[in-house]
Amino acid sequence: MAQSSPGRESSSTPPNKLLFVLRVLDAENRLLERADQKAISLLAALGVFMVFFIVWHRIVPINVFTVILLSVYFAVSLAAIISLILTVRPRIRLFEEEPGDTDNTAACEPAFFVGICKFPTLSAYRQGLENMIKDEASAMDVYTRQIFGLARVNAAKYRNINRAVLLVIIALAAELALVAYLFPYYYFHGANMIPPIGG
């Protein structure tokens, strides 16, 4: 009874290893999707505030204070847009510049779309997939390379998204400061100075 239990544990170890690797791969994929969602949300928020500014730009007076705020707003907004674009870019470059050991890298990896597309025919792909399934070490190599590549991509994504969050906050703060400045400005200069939006 005591001897059969260790035997069962040793026989179930390989599936558990592969399952653990697949869980890590799934976690990295979720982080990658979350970074893209954050980038799209920030870009949408920045776009909404930009539309608001474009509608009301005609009533902004030209003086030293507004020129400084506008310069900060446009410079920081441009930097934020660049950071958000760089957040999405690593997904495109994931397989083009995949780091790894060239000695152990398979010519075609049947588990991911780029490797699948390299197979010339369906029968060749089927054979490659069967070979990977039969050889657990080969399957582990394929998934660990993918995890390593995704981890590097996620590091770049979150570095850019953290910078973009700070830049978007600064841009929105500059725009809100400009809006807050307009109220006392037109209050002390007369409400009739505000031109109509559609005029």
Protein backbone atom coordinates (compact mmCIF):
# COMPACT_ATOMS: atom_id res chain seq x y z
CA MET A 1 0.00 0.00 0.00
CA ALA A 2 2.79 2.38 0.95
CA GLN A 3 4.88 1.32 -2.06
CA SER A 4 2.14 1.89 -4.68
CA SER A 5 1.55 5.49 -3.60
CA PRO A 6 5.05 6.74 -4.57
CA GLY A 7 4.73 4.87 -7.86
CA ARG A 8 1.52 6.71 -8.66
CA GLU A 9 3.10 10.03 -7.75
CA SER A 10 6.07 9.45 -10.06
CA SER A 11 3.83 8.41 -12.94
CA SER A 12 1.68 11.52 -12.57
CA THR A 13 4.65 13.93 -12.40
CA PRO A 14 5.12 14.55 -16.15
CA PRO A 15 1.50 15.63 -16.79
CA ASN A 16 1.69 17.93 -13.77
CA LYS A 17 4.86 19.56 -15.12
CA LEU A 18 3.24 20.22 -18.48
CA LEU A 19 0.06 21.45 -16.81
CA PHE A 20 2.09 23.87 -14.71
CA VAL A 21 3.86 25.18 -17.82
CA LEU A 22 0.50 25.66 -19.57
CA ARG A 23 -0.82 27.59 -16.57
CA VAL A 24 2.18 29.90 -16.66
CA LEU A 25 1.66 30.40 -20.40
CA ASP A 26 -2.01 31.21 -19.82
CA ALA A 27 -1.10 33.73 -17.11
CA GLU A 28 1.36 35.47 -19.43
CA ASN A 29 -1.26 35.62 -22.17
CA ARG A 30 -3.75 37.17 -19.74
CA LEU A 31 -1.21 39.82 -18.72
CA LEU A 32 -0.59 40.59 -22.37
CA GLU A 33 -4.30 41.04 -23.08
CA ARG A 34 -4.72 43.17 -19.96
CA ALA A 35 -1.95 45.53 -21.07
CA ASP A 36 -3.59 45.93 -24.48
CA GLN A 37 -6.96 46.67 -22.87
CA LYS A 38 -5.39 49.32 -20.62
CA ALA A 39 -3.69 50.93 -23.62
CA ILE A 40 -6.95 51.05 -25.61
CA SER A 41 -8.85 52.48 -22.63
CA LEU A 42 -6.26 55.20 -22.05
CA LEU A 43 -6.20 56.06 -25.75
CA ALA A 44 -10.00 56.33 -25.77
CA ALA A 45 -10.00 58.57 -22.69
CA LEU A 46 -7.31 60.79 -24.19
CA GLY A 47 -9.29 61.00 -27.42
CA VAL A 48 -12.47 62.06 -25.62
CA PHE A 49 -10.68 64.89 -23.85
CA MET A 50 -9.01 65.93 -27.10
CA VAL A 51 -12.41 66.19 -28.80
CA PHE A 52 -13.61 68.30 -25.89
CA PHE A 53 -10.62 70.58 -26.31
CA ILE A 54 -11.08 70.88 -30.09
CA VAL A 55 -14.71 71.96 -29.59
CA TRP A 56 -13.76 74.68 -27.08
CA HIS A 57 -10.40 75.84 -28.50
CA ARG A 58 -11.94 79.02 -29.95
CA ILE A 59 -12.63 80.51 -26.53
CA VAL A 60 -9.09 80.01 -25.21
CA PRO A 61 -7.41 83.42 -24.88
CA ILE A 62 -3.82 83.79 -26.03
CA ASN A 63 -1.48 84.83 -23.23
CA VAL A 64 1.63 83.50 -21.51
CA PHE A 65 -0.26 81.21 -19.13
CA THR A 66 -2.43 79.57 -21.80
CA VAL A 67 0.48 79.17 -24.20
CA ILE A 68 2.46 77.35 -21.50
CA LEU A 69 -0.49 75.08 -20.66
CA LEU A 70 -1.20 74.35 -24.31
CA SER A 71 2.45 73.56 -24.98
CA VAL A 72 2.57 71.17 -22.03
CA TYR A 73 -0.73 69.59 -23.07
CA PHE A 74 0.23 68.92 -26.68
CA ALA A 75 3.77 67.73 -25.87
CA VAL A 76 2.62 65.37 -23.12
CA SER A 77 -0.35 64.11 -25.17
CA LEU A 78 1.95 63.29 -28.09
CA ALA A 79 4.34 61.45 -25.76
CA ALA A 80 1.40 59.54 -24.25
CA ILE A 81 0.15 58.47 -27.69
CA ILE A 82 3.64 57.25 -28.61
CA SER A 83 3.87 55.27 -25.36
CA LEU A 84 0.46 53.71 -25.98
CA ILE A 85 1.48 52.71 -29.51
CA LEU A 86 4.68 51.17 -28.14
CA THR A 87 2.54 49.22 -25.69
CA VAL A 88 0.80 47.43 -28.56
CA ARG A 89 3.88 47.05 -30.76
CA PRO A 90 5.61 44.15 -28.89
CA ARG A 91 2.68 41.88 -29.83
CA ILE A 92 3.60 42.36 -33.51
CA ARG A 93 7.30 41.77 -32.91
CA LEU A 94 6.81 38.77 -30.63
CA PHE A 95 7.76 36.11 -33.19
CA GLU A 96 9.81 38.26 -35.55
CA GLU A 97 12.53 38.87 -32.97
CA GLU A 98 12.01 35.96 -30.61
CA PRO A 99 15.12 35.50 -28.45
CA GLY A 100 16.30 32.01 -27.62
CA ASP A 101 18.88 29.34 -28.25
CA THR A 102 19.12 28.68 -31.97
CA ASP A 103 20.57 25.23 -31.33
CA ASN A 104 17.42 24.00 -29.59
CA THR A 105 14.80 25.94 -31.52
CA ALA A 106 12.58 23.84 -33.74
CA ALA A 107 12.23 24.93 -37.36
CA CYS A 108 8.43 24.80 -37.13
CA GLU A 109 6.50 24.94 -33.89
CA PRO A 110 3.07 23.32 -34.41
CA ALA A 111 1.51 24.87 -31.31
CA PHE A 112 1.45 28.55 -32.44
CA PHE A 113 0.20 30.24 -35.57
CA VAL A 114 3.57 31.42 -36.92
CA GLY A 115 5.02 27.93 -36.66
CA ILE A 116 1.84 26.40 -38.12
CA CYS A 117 2.04 28.63 -41.18
CA LYS A 118 5.58 27.40 -41.90
CA PHE A 119 4.36 23.87 -42.62
CA PRO A 120 3.94 23.41 -46.39
CA THR A 121 1.02 20.96 -46.25
CA LEU A 122 -1.65 19.74 -43.86
CA SER A 123 -0.07 16.27 -43.65
CA ALA A 124 3.29 17.82 -42.71
CA TYR A 125 1.64 19.83 -39.98
CA ARG A 126 -0.21 16.76 -38.69
CA GLN A 127 3.06 14.84 -38.54
CA GLY A 128 4.84 17.68 -36.77
CA LEU A 129 2.03 17.97 -34.23
CA GLU A 130 2.09 14.22 -33.57
CA ASN A 131 5.86 14.32 -33.09
CA MET A 132 5.53 17.14 -30.56
CA ILE A 133 2.78 15.32 -28.65
CA LYS A 134 4.81 12.09 -28.51
CA ASP A 135 7.96 13.84 -27.29
CA GLU A 136 7.14 15.58 -24.02
CA ALA A 137 10.57 17.22 -23.84
CA SER A 138 9.95 18.82 -27.23
CA ALA A 139 6.53 20.08 -26.10
CA MET A 140 8.08 21.53 -22.94
CA ASP A 141 10.72 23.31 -25.04
CA VAL A 142 8.08 24.81 -27.33
CA TYR A 143 5.97 26.15 -24.45
CA THR A 144 8.89 27.38 -22.36
CA ARG A 145 10.24 29.35 -25.34
CA GLN A 146 6.81 30.88 -25.75
CA ILE A 147 6.63 31.78 -22.04
CA PHE A 148 10.07 33.37 -22.18
CA GLY A 149 9.12 35.42 -25.24
CA LEU A 150 5.81 36.52 -23.70
CA ALA A 151 7.52 37.53 -20.46
CA ARG A 152 9.87 39.83 -22.38
CA VAL A 153 6.96 41.30 -24.31
CA ASN A 154 4.95 41.85 -21.11
CA ALA A 155 7.91 43.59 -19.48
CA ALA A 156 8.10 46.02 -22.41
CA LYS A 157 4.31 46.49 -22.47
CA TYR A 158 3.99 47.33 -18.78
CA ARG A 159 7.00 49.63 -18.88
CA ASN A 160 5.31 51.61 -21.65
CA ILE A 161 1.84 51.50 -20.11
CA ASN A 162 3.12 52.80 -16.76
CA ARG A 163 4.78 55.70 -18.56
CA ALA A 164 1.61 56.33 -20.57
CA VAL A 165 -0.55 56.46 -17.43
CA LEU A 166 1.66 59.18 -15.95
CA LEU A 167 1.67 61.15 -19.21
CA VAL A 168 -2.11 60.93 -19.61
CA ILE A 169 -2.58 62.18 -16.05
CA ILE A 170 -0.30 65.16 -16.74
CA ALA A 171 -2.08 65.91 -20.02
CA LEU A 172 -5.53 65.80 -18.41
CA ALA A 173 -4.30 67.93 -15.50
CA ALA A 174 -3.03 70.57 -17.95
CA GLU A 175 -6.34 70.56 -19.83
CA LEU A 176 -8.39 70.80 -16.64
CA ALA A 177 -6.17 73.64 -15.41
CA LEU A 178 -6.84 75.44 -18.68
CA VAL A 179 -10.59 74.90 -18.33
CA ALA A 180 -10.49 76.09 -14.72
CA TYR A 181 -8.57 79.20 -15.83
CA LEU A 182 -11.29 80.12 -18.36
CA PHE A 183 -13.99 80.63 -15.72
CA PRO A 184 -12.31 83.41 -13.71
CA TYR A 185 -10.84 84.88 -16.91
CA TYR A 186 -14.22 85.41 -18.56
CA TYR A 187 -15.87 86.29 -15.25
CA PHE A 188 -13.55 89.26 -14.77
CA HIS A 189 -13.56 90.23 -18.45
CA GLY A 190 -17.30 89.95 -18.98
CA ALA A 191 -19.46 86.98 -19.98
CA ASN A 192 -20.20 88.54 -23.38
CA MET A 193 -16.64 87.84 -24.49
CA ILE A 194 -17.34 84.09 -24.84
CA PRO A 195 -17.94 83.46 -28.56
CA PRO A 196 -20.67 81.04 -29.63
CA ILE A 197 -19.50 77.48 -30.36
CA GLY A 198 -21.25 77.24 -33.73
CA GLY A 199 -20.44 80.79 -34.80
